[in-house]
Amino acid sequence: MGRISSLISWILVVDLALVLLSFAWFVVAVIGHTMNLELGLNLWYSLWNPLILPAISILMAGAIASGVVGWITKRFKADPS
């Protein structure tokens, strides 16, 4: 169980890095767009549905699942019966 949990945590860390890099790319591309520079905003938009949105969804689902598992674990450890 510990190995699976470790693997899931590692996947979520990689996913978080992908989401943060996507956000940084978006910010740079929008700033470039306001200065009439093409820095990949159209490419970013084209990657929104197939890559970025699922990465955000996985990150949110992982955070919720982690909280639920932590709550359940804490609840069963506190219950002596």
N, C-alpha and C. Protein backbone atom coordinates (compact mmCIF):
# COMPACT_ATOMS: atom_id res chain seq x y z
N MET A 1 0.82 -1.20 0.00
CA MET A 1 0.00 0.00 0.00
C MET A 1 0.86 1.25 0.00
N GLY A 2 1.98 1.21 0.70
CA GLY A 2 2.86 2.37 0.77
C GLY A 2 3.49 2.70 -0.57
N ARG A 3 3.80 1.67 -1.34
CA ARG A 3 4.39 1.89 -2.67
C ARG A 3 3.39 2.53 -3.62
N ILE A 4 2.14 2.10 -3.56
CA ILE A 4 1.10 2.68 -4.41
C ILE A 4 0.86 4.13 -4.02
N SER A 5 0.80 4.40 -2.73
CA SER A 5 0.61 5.76 -2.25
C SER A 5 1.77 6.66 -2.68
N SER A 6 2.98 6.13 -2.61
CA SER A 6 4.15 6.89 -3.04
C SER A 6 4.10 7.18 -4.54
N LEU A 7 3.68 6.20 -5.32
CA LEU A 7 3.56 6.38 -6.77
C LEU A 7 2.51 7.43 -7.10
N ILE A 8 1.38 7.37 -6.43
CA ILE A 8 0.31 8.36 -6.66
C ILE A 8 0.80 9.75 -6.28
N SER A 9 1.51 9.87 -5.17
CA SER A 9 2.04 11.16 -4.76
C SER A 9 3.02 11.70 -5.79
N TRP A 10 3.87 10.83 -6.33
CA TRP A 10 4.83 11.26 -7.35
C TRP A 10 4.11 11.73 -8.61
N ILE A 11 3.07 11.01 -9.02
CA ILE A 11 2.29 11.41 -10.20
C ILE A 11 1.63 12.76 -9.97
N LEU A 12 1.11 12.98 -8.77
CA LEU A 12 0.48 14.27 -8.47
C LEU A 12 1.50 15.41 -8.46
N VAL A 13 2.71 15.15 -8.02
CA VAL A 13 3.76 16.18 -8.04
C VAL A 13 4.11 16.53 -9.48
N VAL A 14 4.24 15.53 -10.34
CA VAL A 14 4.52 15.78 -11.75
C VAL A 14 3.36 16.53 -12.39
N ASP A 15 2.15 16.16 -12.04
CA ASP A 15 0.96 16.84 -12.56
C ASP A 15 0.93 18.29 -12.10
N LEU A 16 1.26 18.54 -10.85
CA LEU A 16 1.32 19.91 -10.35
C LEU A 16 2.35 20.72 -11.12
N ALA A 17 3.50 20.14 -11.40
CA ALA A 17 4.52 20.84 -12.18
C ALA A 17 3.99 21.18 -13.57
N LEU A 18 3.27 20.25 -14.19
CA LEU A 18 2.70 20.50 -15.50
C LEU A 18 1.69 21.65 -15.46
N VAL A 19 0.85 21.65 -14.44
CA VAL A 19 -0.16 22.71 -14.30
C VAL A 19 0.52 24.06 -14.06
N LEU A 20 1.53 24.10 -13.21
CA LEU A 20 2.22 25.37 -12.95
C LEU A 20 2.97 25.87 -14.17
N LEU A 21 3.61 24.97 -14.91
CA LEU A 21 4.28 25.38 -16.14
C LEU A 21 3.28 25.87 -17.18
N SER A 22 2.14 25.23 -17.26
CA SER A 22 1.10 25.67 -18.19
C SER A 22 0.60 27.06 -17.83
N PHE A 23 0.44 27.30 -16.54
CA PHE A 23 0.00 28.62 -16.10
C PHE A 23 1.04 29.68 -16.42
N ALA A 24 2.30 29.38 -16.17
CA ALA A 24 3.37 30.33 -16.48
C ALA A 24 3.42 30.61 -17.98
N TRP A 25 3.28 29.57 -18.79
CA TRP A 25 3.26 29.74 -20.23
C TRP A 25 2.09 30.64 -20.65
N PHE A 26 0.93 30.41 -20.04
CA PHE A 26 -0.24 31.22 -20.35
C PHE A 26 0.00 32.69 -20.03
N VAL A 27 0.56 32.96 -18.86
CA VAL A 27 0.82 34.35 -18.46
C VAL A 27 1.79 35.01 -19.44
N VAL A 28 2.88 34.33 -19.77
CA VAL A 28 3.86 34.88 -20.70
C VAL A 28 3.23 35.10 -22.07
N ALA A 29 2.42 34.14 -22.53
CA ALA A 29 1.79 34.25 -23.85
C ALA A 29 0.79 35.40 -23.90
N VAL A 30 0.04 35.60 -22.82
CA VAL A 30 -0.92 36.71 -22.78
C VAL A 30 -0.18 38.05 -22.76
N ILE A 31 0.88 38.15 -21.99
CA ILE A 31 1.67 39.38 -21.98
C ILE A 31 2.26 39.64 -23.36
N GLY A 32 2.77 38.59 -24.00
CA GLY A 32 3.28 38.74 -25.35
C GLY A 32 2.20 39.15 -26.33
N HIS A 33 1.00 38.62 -26.16
CA HIS A 33 -0.11 38.97 -27.04
C HIS A 33 -0.46 40.45 -26.92
N THR A 34 -0.40 40.99 -25.71
CA THR A 34 -0.70 42.40 -25.52
C THR A 34 0.37 43.29 -26.15
N MET A 35 1.57 42.74 -26.35
CA MET A 35 2.65 43.50 -26.99
C MET A 35 2.82 43.11 -28.47
N ASN A 36 1.81 42.40 -29.00
CA ASN A 36 1.82 41.95 -30.39
C ASN A 36 2.98 41.01 -30.70
N LEU A 37 3.34 40.18 -29.74
CA LEU A 37 4.34 39.15 -29.94
C LEU A 37 3.65 37.79 -29.91
N GLU A 38 4.02 36.92 -30.83
CA GLU A 38 3.45 35.58 -30.85
C GLU A 38 4.32 34.67 -29.98
N LEU A 39 3.82 34.37 -28.78
CA LEU A 39 4.57 33.52 -27.85
C LEU A 39 3.83 32.22 -27.56
N GLY A 40 2.98 31.80 -28.46
CA GLY A 40 2.35 30.50 -28.32
C GLY A 40 0.98 30.50 -27.68
N LEU A 41 0.28 31.61 -27.70
CA LEU A 41 -1.05 31.64 -27.09
C LEU A 41 -2.02 30.75 -27.85
N ASN A 42 -1.97 30.76 -29.17
CA ASN A 42 -2.85 29.89 -29.96
C ASN A 42 -2.54 28.42 -29.71
N LEU A 43 -1.26 28.07 -29.58
CA LEU A 43 -0.89 26.69 -29.26
C LEU A 43 -1.39 26.32 -27.87
N TRP A 44 -1.27 27.24 -26.92
CA TRP A 44 -1.76 26.99 -25.57
C TRP A 44 -3.26 26.72 -25.59
N TYR A 45 -4.00 27.54 -26.35
CA TYR A 45 -5.44 27.32 -26.47
C TYR A 45 -5.75 25.96 -27.09
N SER A 46 -4.96 25.56 -28.07
CA SER A 46 -5.21 24.26 -28.71
C SER A 46 -4.90 23.09 -27.78
N LEU A 47 -4.04 23.30 -26.78
CA LEU A 47 -3.71 22.25 -25.82
C LEU A 47 -4.61 22.28 -24.57
N TRP A 48 -5.50 23.25 -24.49
CA TRP A 48 -6.34 23.39 -23.30
C TRP A 48 -7.18 22.14 -23.05
N ASN A 49 -8.00 21.73 -24.02
CA ASN A 49 -8.88 20.56 -23.81
C ASN A 49 -8.14 19.23 -23.72
N PRO A 50 -7.20 18.94 -24.61
CA PRO A 50 -6.60 17.60 -24.53
C PRO A 50 -5.53 17.42 -23.46
N LEU A 51 -4.94 18.49 -22.92
CA LEU A 51 -3.82 18.32 -22.00
C LEU A 51 -3.99 19.09 -20.69
N ILE A 52 -4.25 20.37 -20.77
CA ILE A 52 -4.20 21.22 -19.57
C ILE A 52 -5.43 21.00 -18.68
N LEU A 53 -6.61 20.98 -19.26
CA LEU A 53 -7.83 20.77 -18.47
C LEU A 53 -7.84 19.41 -17.76
N PRO A 54 -7.46 18.31 -18.43
CA PRO A 54 -7.37 17.05 -17.68
C PRO A 54 -6.32 17.07 -16.58
N ALA A 55 -5.21 17.77 -16.80
CA ALA A 55 -4.18 17.85 -15.76
C ALA A 55 -4.71 18.58 -14.53
N ILE A 56 -5.47 19.65 -14.75
CA ILE A 56 -6.06 20.38 -13.63
C ILE A 56 -7.09 19.51 -12.92
N SER A 57 -7.87 18.78 -13.70
CA SER A 57 -8.89 17.90 -13.11
C SER A 57 -8.27 16.79 -12.28
N ILE A 58 -7.20 16.18 -12.77
CA ILE A 58 -6.50 15.14 -12.03
C ILE A 58 -5.92 15.70 -10.73
N LEU A 59 -5.37 16.90 -10.81
CA LEU A 59 -4.80 17.53 -9.62
C LEU A 59 -5.88 17.78 -8.57
N MET A 60 -7.02 18.30 -9.01
CA MET A 60 -8.12 18.55 -8.06
C MET A 60 -8.66 17.26 -7.48
N ALA A 61 -8.85 16.25 -8.32
CA ALA A 61 -9.35 14.96 -7.83
C ALA A 61 -8.35 14.32 -6.85
N GLY A 62 -7.08 14.44 -7.14
CA GLY A 62 -6.05 13.91 -6.25
C GLY A 62 -6.04 14.61 -4.91
N ALA A 63 -6.22 15.92 -4.93
CA ALA A 63 -6.25 16.68 -3.67
C ALA A 63 -7.47 16.29 -2.84
N ILE A 64 -8.62 16.14 -3.50
CA ILE A 64 -9.83 15.73 -2.78
C ILE A 64 -9.68 14.32 -2.23
N ALA A 65 -9.18 13.40 -3.06
CA ALA A 65 -8.99 12.01 -2.62
C ALA A 65 -8.01 11.93 -1.46
N SER A 66 -6.94 12.72 -1.53
CA SER A 66 -5.97 12.73 -0.45
C SER A 66 -6.59 13.21 0.85
N GLY A 67 -7.41 14.23 0.77
CA GLY A 67 -8.10 14.73 1.96
C GLY A 67 -9.06 13.72 2.53
N VAL A 68 -9.80 13.05 1.67
CA VAL A 68 -10.77 12.04 2.13
C VAL A 68 -10.05 10.87 2.77
N VAL A 69 -8.99 10.38 2.13
CA VAL A 69 -8.22 9.26 2.69
C VAL A 69 -7.60 9.67 4.03
N GLY A 70 -7.06 10.87 4.12
CA GLY A 70 -6.50 11.35 5.38
C GLY A 70 -7.56 11.45 6.47
N TRP A 71 -8.75 11.92 6.10
CA TRP A 71 -9.83 12.04 7.08
C TRP A 71 -10.27 10.67 7.55
N ILE A 72 -10.41 9.72 6.62
CA ILE A 72 -10.83 8.37 6.98
C ILE A 72 -9.78 7.69 7.86
N THR A 73 -8.53 7.83 7.49
CA THR A 73 -7.45 7.24 8.28
C THR A 73 -7.43 7.81 9.69
N LYS A 74 -7.57 9.12 9.80
CA LYS A 74 -7.59 9.77 11.10
C LYS A 74 -8.80 9.33 11.92
N ARG A 75 -9.91 9.19 11.24
CA ARG A 75 -11.15 8.79 11.92
C ARG A 75 -11.05 7.38 12.50
N PHE A 76 -10.48 6.42 11.72
CA PHE A 76 -10.36 5.05 12.20
C PHE A 76 -9.28 4.90 13.26
N LYS A 77 -8.24 5.72 13.21
CA LYS A 77 -7.21 5.65 14.25
C LYS A 77 -7.72 6.21 15.57
N ALA A 78 -8.63 7.19 15.50
CA ALA A 78 -9.15 7.81 16.72
C ALA A 78 -10.25 6.96 17.35
N ASP A 79 -10.90 6.10 16.55
CA ASP A 79 -12.00 5.29 17.05
C ASP A 79 -11.46 3.99 17.66
N PRO A 80 -11.52 3.83 19.01
CA PRO A 80 -10.95 2.64 19.63
C PRO A 80 -11.79 1.37 19.43
N SER A 81 -13.03 1.47 19.01
CA SER A 81 -13.89 0.29 18.88
C SER A 81 -13.81 -0.39 17.56
